[in-house]
Amino acid sequence: MLKTLAKRIALAERATASRSKYSEECICFPAKELPYFPSDEEQEAAHLVKCPIHRDRFQKLYYLYRAPWHEERMAMAWKSRTEQYKKAWLAGGSSRPT
């Protein structure tokens, strides 16, 4: 009976987490909008900034190759990003991608 109850609680927590909005203090990147950094140094600097609630704001990403046109496309995509993504990006001290 305890296992069943624990499973039900876990399912309820996951359902609630997926519906809830980010709190005012949270500066994490949304799970469906991974950050893109033009260099490993910028990613490392952004990873040092911690969310006051969740600690790590994103998992480190590793890029093997970055096409030259990718920078321009990422700058254009800024307009369609969610408010939480923009808040997380600007919390790292970086200006918006250019």
PDB file of N, CA and C in Angstrom:
ATOM      1  N   MET A   1       0.811  -1.188   0.000  1.00  0.00           N
ATOM      2  CA  MET A   1       0.000   0.000   0.000  1.00  0.00           C
ATOM      3  C   MET A   1       0.863   1.264   0.000  1.00  0.00           C
ATOM      4  N   LEU A   2       1.991   1.234   0.712  1.00  0.00           N
ATOM      5  CA  LEU A   2       2.871   2.402   0.741  1.00  0.00           C
ATOM      6  C   LEU A   2       3.496   2.660  -0.630  1.00  0.00           C
ATOM      7  N   LYS A   3       3.835   1.582  -1.350  1.00  0.00           N
ATOM      8  CA  LYS A   3       4.406   1.762  -2.685  1.00  0.00           C
ATOM      9  C   LYS A   3       3.398   2.423  -3.616  1.00  0.00           C
ATOM     10  N   THR A   4       2.154   1.995  -3.531  1.00  0.00           N
ATOM     11  CA  THR A   4       1.106   2.574  -4.366  1.00  0.00           C
ATOM     12  C   THR A   4       0.905   4.049  -4.031  1.00  0.00           C
ATOM     13  N   LEU A   5       0.882   4.351  -2.750  1.00  0.00           N
ATOM     14  CA  LEU A   5       0.725   5.739  -2.321  1.00  0.00           C
ATOM     15  C   LEU A   5       1.910   6.587  -2.782  1.00  0.00           C
ATOM     16  N   ALA A   6       3.112   6.047  -2.655  1.00  0.00           N
ATOM     17  CA  ALA A   6       4.309   6.782  -3.084  1.00  0.00           C
ATOM     18  C   ALA A   6       4.277   7.040  -4.586  1.00  0.00           C
ATOM     19  N   LYS A   7       3.820   6.058  -5.363  1.00  0.00           N
ATOM     20  CA  LYS A   7       3.716   6.244  -6.811  1.00  0.00           C
ATOM     21  C   LYS A   7       2.687   7.318  -7.152  1.00  0.00           C
ATOM     22  N   ARG A   8       1.567   7.295  -6.450  1.00  0.00           N
ATOM     23  CA  ARG A   8       0.529   8.292  -6.700  1.00  0.00           C
ATOM     24  C   ARG A   8       1.015   9.690  -6.358  1.00  0.00           C
ATOM     25  N   ILE A   9       1.761   9.805  -5.265  1.00  0.00           N
ATOM     26  CA  ILE A   9       2.316  11.111  -4.881  1.00  0.00           C
ATOM     27  C   ILE A   9       3.315  11.596  -5.919  1.00  0.00           C
ATOM     28  N   ALA A  10       4.177  10.693  -6.378  1.00  0.00           N
ATOM     29  CA  ALA A  10       5.169  11.058  -7.393  1.00  0.00           C
ATOM     30  C   ALA A  10       4.487  11.509  -8.682  1.00  0.00           C
ATOM     31  N   LEU A  11       3.453  10.804  -9.103  1.00  0.00           N
ATOM     32  CA  LEU A  11       2.721  11.200 -10.308  1.00  0.00           C
ATOM     33  C   LEU A  11       2.061  12.559 -10.132  1.00  0.00           C
ATOM     34  N   ALA A  12       1.479  12.792  -8.966  1.00  0.00           N
ATOM     35  CA  ALA A  12       0.843  14.080  -8.701  1.00  0.00           C
ATOM     36  C   ALA A  12       1.856  15.211  -8.700  1.00  0.00           C
ATOM     37  N   GLU A  13       3.032  14.979  -8.127  1.00  0.00           N
ATOM     38  CA  GLU A  13       4.080  16.011  -8.111  1.00  0.00           C
ATOM     39  C   GLU A  13       4.545  16.330  -9.520  1.00  0.00           C
ATOM     40  N   ARG A  14       4.728  15.309 -10.355  1.00  0.00           N
ATOM     41  CA  ARG A  14       5.156  15.546 -11.735  1.00  0.00           C
ATOM     42  C   ARG A  14       4.092  16.321 -12.517  1.00  0.00           C
ATOM     43  N   ALA A  15       2.842  15.959 -12.317  1.00  0.00           N
ATOM     44  CA  ALA A  15       1.759  16.657 -13.011  1.00  0.00           C
ATOM     45  C   ALA A  15       1.686  18.116 -12.573  1.00  0.00           C
ATOM     46  N   THR A  16       1.854  18.364 -11.297  1.00  0.00           N
ATOM     47  CA  THR A  16       1.820  19.729 -10.774  1.00  0.00           C
ATOM     48  C   THR A  16       2.999  20.533 -11.292  1.00  0.00           C
ATOM     49  N   ALA A  17       4.174  19.924 -11.300  1.00  0.00           N
ATOM     50  CA  ALA A  17       5.376  20.625 -11.767  1.00  0.00           C
ATOM     51  C   ALA A  17       5.254  21.009 -13.233  1.00  0.00           C
ATOM     52  N   SER A  18       4.649  20.147 -14.030  1.00  0.00           N
ATOM     53  CA  SER A  18       4.546  20.460 -15.458  1.00  0.00           C
ATOM     54  C   SER A  18       3.545  21.574 -15.723  1.00  0.00           C
ATOM     55  N   ARG A  19       2.574  21.766 -14.837  1.00  0.00           N
ATOM     56  CA  ARG A  19       1.573  22.814 -15.025  1.00  0.00           C
ATOM     57  C   ARG A  19       1.943  24.121 -14.357  1.00  0.00           C
ATOM     58  N   SER A  20       2.813  24.066 -13.380  1.00  0.00           N
ATOM     59  CA  SER A  20       3.108  25.272 -12.611  1.00  0.00           C
ATOM     60  C   SER A  20       4.000  26.228 -13.390  1.00  0.00           C
ATOM     61  N   LYS A  21       3.826  27.481 -13.121  1.00  0.00           N
ATOM     62  CA  LYS A  21       4.686  28.500 -13.722  1.00  0.00           C
ATOM     63  C   LYS A  21       5.918  28.659 -12.851  1.00  0.00           C
ATOM     64  N   TYR A  22       6.914  29.301 -13.388  1.00  0.00           N
ATOM     65  CA  TYR A  22       8.135  29.533 -12.626  1.00  0.00           C
ATOM     66  C   TYR A  22       7.881  30.602 -11.573  1.00  0.00           C
ATOM     67  N   SER A  23       8.532  30.419 -10.437  1.00  0.00           N
ATOM     68  CA  SER A  23       8.371  31.424  -9.389  1.00  0.00           C
ATOM     69  C   SER A  23       9.159  32.672  -9.766  1.00  0.00           C
ATOM     70  N   GLU A  24       8.889  33.738  -9.096  1.00  0.00           N
ATOM     71  CA  GLU A  24       9.533  35.027  -9.350  1.00  0.00           C
ATOM     72  C   GLU A  24      11.049  34.928  -9.169  1.00  0.00           C
ATOM     73  N   GLU A  25      11.508  34.142  -8.209  1.00  0.00           N
ATOM     74  CA  GLU A  25      12.933  34.047  -7.895  1.00  0.00           C
ATOM     75  C   GLU A  25      13.693  33.104  -8.828  1.00  0.00           C
ATOM     76  N   CYS A  26      12.983  32.230  -9.518  1.00  0.00           N
ATOM     77  CA  CYS A  26      13.629  31.216 -10.352  1.00  0.00           C
ATOM     78  C   CYS A  26      14.248  31.854 -11.599  1.00  0.00           C
ATOM     79  N   ILE A  27      15.512  31.525 -11.864  1.00  0.00           N
ATOM     80  CA  ILE A  27      16.195  32.025 -13.055  1.00  0.00           C
ATOM     81  C   ILE A  27      16.714  30.860 -13.895  1.00  0.00           C
ATOM     82  N   CYS A  28      16.032  29.705 -13.804  1.00  0.00           N
ATOM     83  CA  CYS A  28      16.410  28.523 -14.581  1.00  0.00           C
ATOM     84  C   CYS A  28      15.928  28.646 -16.021  1.00  0.00           C
ATOM     85  N   PHE A  29      16.646  27.991 -16.926  1.00  0.00           N
ATOM     86  CA  PHE A  29      16.185  27.912 -18.306  1.00  0.00           C
ATOM     87  C   PHE A  29      15.053  26.901 -18.377  1.00  0.00           C
ATOM     88  N   PRO A  30      14.026  27.160 -19.178  1.00  0.00           N
ATOM     89  CA  PRO A  30      12.946  26.183 -19.335  1.00  0.00           C
ATOM     90  C   PRO A  30      13.492  24.874 -19.904  1.00  0.00           C
ATOM     91  N   ALA A  31      12.914  23.764 -19.490  1.00  0.00           N
ATOM     92  CA  ALA A  31      13.395  22.447 -19.915  1.00  0.00           C
ATOM     93  C   ALA A  31      13.306  22.261 -21.429  1.00  0.00           C
ATOM     94  N   LYS A  32      12.321  22.888 -22.055  1.00  0.00           N
ATOM     95  CA  LYS A  32      12.135  22.728 -23.499  1.00  0.00           C
ATOM     96  C   LYS A  32      12.893  23.769 -24.315  1.00  0.00           C
ATOM     97  N   GLU A  33      13.588  24.672 -23.661  1.00  0.00           N
ATOM     98  CA  GLU A  33      14.364  25.706 -24.358  1.00  0.00           C
ATOM     99  C   GLU A  33      15.786  25.701 -23.808  1.00  0.00           C
ATOM    100  N   LEU A  34      16.600  24.823 -24.325  1.00  0.00           N
ATOM    101  CA  LEU A  34      17.972  24.750 -23.849  1.00  0.00           C
ATOM    102  C   LEU A  34      18.744  25.987 -24.288  1.00  0.00           C
ATOM    103  N   PRO A  35      19.641  26.467 -23.449  1.00  0.00           N
ATOM    104  CA  PRO A  35      20.418  27.652 -23.826  1.00  0.00           C
ATOM    105  C   PRO A  35      21.453  27.315 -24.889  1.00  0.00           C
ATOM    106  N   TYR A  36      21.826  28.304 -25.647  1.00  0.00           N
ATOM    107  CA  TYR A  36      22.897  28.168 -26.629  1.00  0.00           C
ATOM    108  C   TYR A  36      23.945  29.225 -26.310  1.00  0.00           C
ATOM    109  N   PHE A  37      25.178  28.801 -26.215  1.00  0.00           N
ATOM    110  CA  PHE A  37      26.273  29.724 -25.934  1.00  0.00           C
ATOM    111  C   PHE A  37      27.258  29.675 -27.093  1.00  0.00           C
ATOM    112  N   PRO A  38      27.707  30.838 -27.554  1.00  0.00           N
ATOM    113  CA  PRO A  38      28.633  30.868 -28.684  1.00  0.00           C
ATOM    114  C   PRO A  38      30.004  30.280 -28.372  1.00  0.00           C
ATOM    115  N   SER A  39      30.359  30.210 -27.098  1.00  0.00           N
ATOM    116  CA  SER A  39      31.666  29.652 -26.768  1.00  0.00           C
ATOM    117  C   SER A  39      31.581  28.868 -25.461  1.00  0.00           C
ATOM    118  N   ASP A  40      32.541  27.985 -25.278  1.00  0.00           N
ATOM    119  CA  ASP A  40      32.596  27.203 -24.045  1.00  0.00           C
ATOM    120  C   ASP A  40      32.853  28.101 -22.836  1.00  0.00           C
ATOM    121  N   GLU A  41      33.590  29.189 -23.043  1.00  0.00           N
ATOM    122  CA  GLU A  41      33.884  30.111 -21.943  1.00  0.00           C
ATOM    123  C   GLU A  41      32.604  30.791 -21.449  1.00  0.00           C
ATOM    124  N   GLU A  42      31.748  31.195 -22.388  1.00  0.00           N
ATOM    125  CA  GLU A  42      30.488  31.821 -21.997  1.00  0.00           C
ATOM    126  C   GLU A  42      29.578  30.831 -21.288  1.00  0.00           C
ATOM    127  N   GLN A  43      29.579  29.592 -21.755  1.00  0.00           N
ATOM    128  CA  GLN A  43      28.777  28.568 -21.090  1.00  0.00           C
ATOM    129  C   GLN A  43      29.276  28.340 -19.661  1.00  0.00           C
ATOM    130  N   GLU A  44      30.575  28.290 -19.490  1.00  0.00           N
ATOM    131  CA  GLU A  44      31.147  28.080 -18.157  1.00  0.00           C
ATOM    132  C   GLU A  44      30.786  29.239 -17.225  1.00  0.00           C
ATOM    133  N   ALA A  45      30.858  30.458 -17.729  1.00  0.00           N
ATOM    134  CA  ALA A  45      30.504  31.628 -16.921  1.00  0.00           C
ATOM    135  C   ALA A  45      29.027  31.594 -16.540  1.00  0.00           C
ATOM    136  N   ALA A  46      28.158  31.209 -17.477  1.00  0.00           N
ATOM    137  CA  ALA A  46      26.726  31.136 -17.192  1.00  0.00           C
ATOM    138  C   ALA A  46      26.413  30.013 -16.209  1.00  0.00           C
ATOM    139  N   HIS A  47      27.176  28.937 -16.269  1.00  0.00           N
ATOM    140  CA  HIS A  47      26.928  27.808 -15.366  1.00  0.00           C
ATOM    141  C   HIS A  47      27.307  28.161 -13.926  1.00  0.00           C
ATOM    142  N   LEU A  48      28.176  29.133 -13.746  1.00  0.00           N
ATOM    143  CA  LEU A  48      28.570  29.554 -12.397  1.00  0.00           C
ATOM    144  C   LEU A  48      27.463  30.349 -11.701  1.00  0.00           C
ATOM    145  N   VAL A  49      26.537  30.922 -12.478  1.00  0.00           N
ATOM    146  CA  VAL A  49      25.409  31.649 -11.891  1.00  0.00           C
ATOM    147  C   VAL A  49      24.368  30.618 -11.484  1.00  0.00           C
ATOM    148  N   LYS A  50      24.010  30.594 -10.214  1.00  0.00           N
ATOM    149  CA  LYS A  50      23.102  29.577  -9.689  1.00  0.00           C
ATOM    150  C   LYS A  50      21.728  30.168  -9.397  1.00  0.00           C
ATOM    151  N   CYS A  51      20.701  29.377  -9.637  1.00  0.00           N
ATOM    152  CA  CYS A  51      19.333  29.761  -9.293  1.00  0.00           C
ATOM    153  C   CYS A  51      19.197  29.710  -7.771  1.00  0.00           C
ATOM    154  N   PRO A  52      18.587  30.725  -7.158  1.00  0.00           N
ATOM    155  CA  PRO A  52      18.444  30.708  -5.701  1.00  0.00           C
ATOM    156  C   PRO A  52      17.554  29.573  -5.203  1.00  0.00           C
ATOM    157  N   ILE A  53      16.746  29.000  -6.068  1.00  0.00           N
ATOM    158  CA  ILE A  53      15.854  27.922  -5.654  1.00  0.00           C
ATOM    159  C   ILE A  53      16.388  26.548  -6.035  1.00  0.00           C
ATOM    160  N   HIS A  54      16.832  26.392  -7.286  1.00  0.00           N
ATOM    161  CA  HIS A  54      17.190  25.075  -7.814  1.00  0.00           C
ATOM    162  C   HIS A  54      18.692  24.832  -7.965  1.00  0.00           C
ATOM    163  N   ARG A  55      19.504  25.798  -7.700  1.00  0.00           N
ATOM    164  CA  ARG A  55      20.969  25.743  -7.877  1.00  0.00           C
ATOM    165  C   ARG A  55      21.339  25.763  -9.367  1.00  0.00           C
ATOM    166  N   ASP A  56      21.608  24.630  -9.991  1.00  0.00           N
ATOM    167  CA  ASP A  56      22.003  24.635 -11.401  1.00  0.00           C
ATOM    168  C   ASP A  56      20.827  25.039 -12.274  1.00  0.00           C
ATOM    169  N   ARG A  57      21.061  26.011 -13.167  1.00  0.00           N
ATOM    170  CA  ARG A  57      19.994  26.521 -14.038  1.00  0.00           C
ATOM    171  C   ARG A  57      19.837  25.693 -15.300  1.00  0.00           C
ATOM    172  N   PHE A  58      20.864  24.922 -15.651  1.00  0.00           N
ATOM    173  CA  PHE A  58      20.830  24.065 -16.830  1.00  0.00           C
ATOM    174  C   PHE A  58      21.969  23.066 -16.710  1.00  0.00           C
ATOM    175  N   GLN A  59      21.888  21.991 -17.469  1.00  0.00           N
ATOM    176  CA  GLN A  59      22.985  21.036 -17.509  1.00  0.00           C
ATOM    177  C   GLN A  59      23.948  21.484 -18.590  1.00  0.00           C
ATOM    178  N   LYS A  60      25.230  21.307 -18.320  1.00  0.00           N
ATOM    179  CA  LYS A  60      26.224  21.736 -19.302  1.00  0.00           C
ATOM    180  C   LYS A  60      26.018  20.993 -20.613  1.00  0.00           C
ATOM    181  N   LEU A  61      26.201  21.725 -21.687  1.00  0.00           N
ATOM    182  CA  LEU A  61      26.038  21.186 -23.025  1.00  0.00           C
ATOM    183  C   LEU A  61      27.394  21.142 -23.711  1.00  0.00           C
ATOM    184  N   TYR A  62      27.570  20.207 -24.596  1.00  0.00           N
ATOM    185  CA  TYR A  62      28.826  20.103 -25.319  1.00  0.00           C
ATOM    186  C   TYR A  62      28.543  20.130 -26.804  1.00  0.00           C
ATOM    187  N   TYR A  63      29.246  21.005 -27.495  1.00  0.00           N
ATOM    188  CA  TYR A  63      29.055  21.174 -28.926  1.00  0.00           C
ATOM    189  C   TYR A  63      30.305  20.692 -29.650  1.00  0.00           C
ATOM    190  N   LEU A  64      30.087  19.909 -30.669  1.00  0.00           N
ATOM    191  CA  LEU A  64      31.218  19.451 -31.465  1.00  0.00           C
ATOM    192  C   LEU A  64      31.524  20.427 -32.596  1.00  0.00           C
ATOM    193  N   TYR A  65      30.493  21.004 -33.155  1.00  0.00           N
ATOM    194  CA  TYR A  65      30.682  21.908 -34.279  1.00  0.00           C
ATOM    195  C   TYR A  65      29.597  22.966 -34.253  1.00  0.00           C
ATOM    196  N   ARG A  66      29.975  24.183 -34.520  1.00  0.00           N
ATOM    197  CA  ARG A  66      29.011  25.281 -34.620  1.00  0.00           C
ATOM    198  C   ARG A  66      29.142  25.901 -36.000  1.00  0.00           C
ATOM    199  N   ALA A  67      28.111  25.779 -36.794  1.00  0.00           N
ATOM    200  CA  ALA A  67      28.134  26.350 -38.136  1.00  0.00           C
ATOM    201  C   ALA A  67      28.158  27.872 -38.037  1.00  0.00           C
ATOM    202  N   PRO A  68      28.841  28.539 -38.955  1.00  0.00           N
ATOM    203  CA  PRO A  68      28.938  30.005 -38.908  1.00  0.00           C
ATOM    204  C   PRO A  68      27.580  30.712 -38.928  1.00  0.00           C
ATOM    205  N   TRP A  69      26.603  30.165 -39.624  1.00  0.00           N
ATOM    206  CA  TRP A  69      25.289  30.800 -39.717  1.00  0.00           C
ATOM    207  C   TRP A  69      24.475  30.636 -38.437  1.00  0.00           C
ATOM    208  N   HIS A  70      24.916  29.762 -37.543  1.00  0.00           N
ATOM    209  CA  HIS A  70      24.138  29.466 -36.342  1.00  0.00           C
ATOM    210  C   HIS A  70      24.020  30.679 -35.418  1.00  0.00           C
ATOM    211  N   GLU A  71      25.072  31.483 -35.324  1.00  0.00           N
ATOM    212  CA  GLU A  71      25.037  32.680 -34.470  1.00  0.00           C
ATOM    213  C   GLU A  71      23.918  33.624 -34.894  1.00  0.00           C
ATOM    214  N   GLU A  72      23.814  33.859 -36.187  1.00  0.00           N
ATOM    215  CA  GLU A  72      22.795  34.764 -36.701  1.00  0.00           C
ATOM    216  C   GLU A  72      21.394  34.211 -36.443  1.00  0.00           C
ATOM    217  N   ARG A  73      21.224  32.917 -36.630  1.00  0.00           N
ATOM    218  CA  ARG A  73      19.919  32.304 -36.403  1.00  0.00           C
ATOM    219  C   ARG A  73      19.520  32.386 -34.928  1.00  0.00           C
ATOM    220  N   MET A  74      20.468  32.221 -34.020  1.00  0.00           N
ATOM    221  CA  MET A  74      20.163  32.288 -32.595  1.00  0.00           C
ATOM    222  C   MET A  74      19.765  33.708 -32.194  1.00  0.00           C
ATOM    223  N   ALA A  75      20.401  34.700 -32.788  1.00  0.00           N
ATOM    224  CA  ALA A  75      20.036  36.088 -32.496  1.00  0.00           C
ATOM    225  C   ALA A  75      18.620  36.387 -32.995  1.00  0.00           C
ATOM    226  N   MET A  76      18.262  35.845 -34.135  1.00  0.00           N
ATOM    227  CA  MET A  76      16.919  36.065 -34.670  1.00  0.00           C
ATOM    228  C   MET A  76      15.869  35.338 -33.821  1.00  0.00           C
ATOM    229  N   ALA A  77      16.227  34.225 -33.227  1.00  0.00           N
ATOM    230  CA  ALA A  77      15.283  33.434 -32.434  1.00  0.00           C
ATOM    231  C   ALA A  77      14.947  34.101 -31.100  1.00  0.00           C
ATOM    232  N   TRP A  78      15.714  35.117 -30.699  1.00  0.00           N
ATOM    233  CA  TRP A  78      15.486  35.786 -29.411  1.00  0.00           C
ATOM    234  C   TRP A  78      14.043  36.278 -29.283  1.00  0.00           C
ATOM    235  N   LYS A  79      13.475  36.765 -30.361  1.00  0.00           N
ATOM    236  CA  LYS A  79      12.119  37.311 -30.334  1.00  0.00           C
ATOM    237  C   LYS A  79      11.077  36.263 -29.942  1.00  0.00           C
ATOM    238  N   SER A  80      11.310  35.024 -30.302  1.00  0.00           N
ATOM    239  CA  SER A  80      10.312  33.984 -30.036  1.00  0.00           C
ATOM    240  C   SER A  80      10.552  33.231 -28.726  1.00  0.00           C
ATOM    241  N   ARG A  81      11.564  33.610 -27.974  1.00  0.00           N
ATOM    242  CA  ARG A  81      11.851  32.933 -26.698  1.00  0.00           C
ATOM    243  C   ARG A  81      10.813  33.306 -25.644  1.00  0.00           C
ATOM    244  N   THR A  82      10.604  32.404 -24.683  1.00  0.00           N
ATOM    245  CA  THR A  82       9.663  32.674 -23.591  1.00  0.00           C
ATOM    246  C   THR A  82      10.278  33.680 -22.621  1.00  0.00           C
ATOM    247  N   GLU A  83       9.416  34.277 -21.823  1.00  0.00           N
ATOM    248  CA  GLU A  83       9.885  35.255 -20.834  1.00  0.00           C
ATOM    249  C   GLU A  83      10.834  34.599 -19.828  1.00  0.00           C
ATOM    250  N   GLN A  84      10.564  33.339 -19.449  1.00  0.00           N
ATOM    251  CA  GLN A  84      11.432  32.643 -18.494  1.00  0.00           C
ATOM    252  C   GLN A  84      12.822  32.448 -19.089  1.00  0.00           C
ATOM    253  N   TYR A  85      12.905  32.098 -20.372  1.00  0.00           N
ATOM    254  CA  TYR A  85      14.193  31.930 -21.037  1.00  0.00           C
ATOM    255  C   TYR A  85      14.964  33.249 -21.033  1.00  0.00           C
ATOM    256  N   LYS A  86      14.281  34.331 -21.384  1.00  0.00           N
ATOM    257  CA  LYS A  86      14.942  35.641 -21.412  1.00  0.00           C
ATOM    258  C   LYS A  86      15.417  36.041 -20.030  1.00  0.00           C
ATOM    259  N   LYS A  87      14.603  35.777 -19.005  1.00  0.00           N
ATOM    260  CA  LYS A  87      14.992  36.103 -17.638  1.00  0.00           C
ATOM    261  C   LYS A  87      16.219  35.288 -17.221  1.00  0.00           C
ATOM    262  N   ALA A  88      16.241  34.001 -17.584  1.00  0.00           N
ATOM    263  CA  ALA A  88      17.381  33.145 -17.249  1.00  0.00           C
ATOM    264  C   ALA A  88      18.643  33.595 -17.973  1.00  0.00           C
ATOM    265  N   TRP A  89      18.498  33.980 -19.234  1.00  0.00           N
ATOM    266  CA  TRP A  89      19.654  34.420 -20.019  1.00  0.00           C
ATOM    267  C   TRP A  89      20.241  35.713 -19.433  1.00  0.00           C
ATOM    268  N   LEU A  90      19.384  36.664 -19.150  1.00  0.00           N
ATOM    269  CA  LEU A  90      19.855  37.952 -18.661  1.00  0.00           C
ATOM    270  C   LEU A  90      20.376  37.867 -17.221  1.00  0.00           C
ATOM    271  N   ALA A  91      19.962  36.845 -16.466  1.00  0.00           N
ATOM    272  CA  ALA A  91      20.453  36.661 -15.094  1.00  0.00           C
ATOM    273  C   ALA A  91      21.934  36.322 -15.083  1.00  0.00           C
ATOM    274  N   GLY A  92      22.432  35.775 -16.170  1.00  0.00           N
ATOM    275  CA  GLY A  92      23.845  35.415 -16.249  1.00  0.00           C
ATOM    276  C   GLY A  92      24.753  36.594 -16.511  1.00  0.00           C
ATOM    277  N   GLY A  93      24.186  37.775 -16.641  1.00  0.00           N
ATOM    278  CA  GLY A  93      24.999  38.965 -16.862  1.00  0.00           C
ATOM    279  C   GLY A  93      25.275  39.242 -18.322  1.00  0.00           C
ATOM    280  N   SER A  94      24.792  38.376 -19.207  1.00  0.00           N
ATOM    281  CA  SER A  94      24.999  38.582 -20.635  1.00  0.00           C
ATOM    282  C   SER A  94      23.892  39.462 -21.191  1.00  0.00           C
ATOM    283  N   SER A  95      24.247  40.210 -22.212  1.00  0.00           N
ATOM    284  CA  SER A  95      23.198  40.941 -22.915  1.00  0.00           C
ATOM    285  C   SER A  95      22.532  39.953 -23.859  1.00  0.00           C
ATOM    286  N   ARG A  96      21.463  40.390 -24.462  1.00  0.00           N
ATOM    287  CA  ARG A  96      20.779  39.475 -25.374  1.00  0.00           C
ATOM    288  C   ARG A  96      21.699  39.152 -26.535  1.00  0.00           C
ATOM    289  N   PRO A  97      21.579  37.937 -27.102  1.00  0.00           N
ATOM    290  CA  PRO A  97      22.465  37.556 -28.200  1.00  0.00           C
ATOM    291  C   PRO A  97      22.339  38.512 -29.367  1.00  0.00           C
ATOM    292  N   THR A  98      23.442  38.844 -29.980  1.00  0.00           N
ATOM    293  CA  THR A  98      23.404  39.737 -31.150  1.00  0.00           C
ATOM    294  C   THR A  98      23.737  39.013 -32.401  1.00  0.00           C
TER     295      THR A  98
END
